[in-house]
Amino acid sequence: MPIRQPAKPGCTSLAQHSDLSYNISAQKIRHARDEMDTLEAIRNRRSVRRYKSGAVPKADLETIVDAARLAATGSNRQPWDFIIVTEKPMIANFKVSCAWIETASAVVVVVMDPKSRWWVEDGAAAIENILLASTALGYGSCWVEGDALPHEEMFRSLLGIPPDRRVMALIPVGIPAETPKPGKKPLEEILHWEKY
């Protein structure tokens, strides 16, 4: 949703005060660059596997993980932790999953508590928010799960993750060096009204 303009001085209606509060809160998380609205980020999101050199600022990485924190969860259990890895020697350890991960500026490791009944669904919601927030801020990212799971014990040991937690995914983030153009099924092929 695009940022709404604040209410004009002197306006006192409840709706206008609400708009002003929304605008002030939204401005706190905005950066100097213009951000995409939600639908634009959804349409532009790509699985990026090639990155340019250059660091992702700490503030942007925190914004990305904060978007994950705000994802929907079953019974609001929020059964997650997130580890941001920016040190190149540590990132190099992740290339056992995919060699190209080494070129990312940062990797967000999604750690879940499997005692929570809906930990997989909750983790997936958080990961999608990471991908969309990365896109909105102008970065590339990719959901790495299937290639990471065989190395979960190694990652848990390297990162000091407790044994009762699961490494659900690695999300490399960086300045994109490619713009993949995957084919997506057209809406009319997958949309059904009222019945299948």
Foldseek 3Di string as FASTA:
>chain_A
DDQDDQDDPPDDDPVNVVSNVSNVVVVVLDDPDAFDDQVVLVVQFDQFLAFDDDADDPSLVVVLQVLLQPFDDDVNPSFKDKDKDQDLVVQCVQCQLPVSSSRFRIKIWIKGQVVDPCGVVSSVRSVVSSRSSLSRVQKHKHWRAPSCQVCFVVVCVVVVPDPRMTRRTMIGIHHGPDRDDDDDDDPVVPDDPPDD
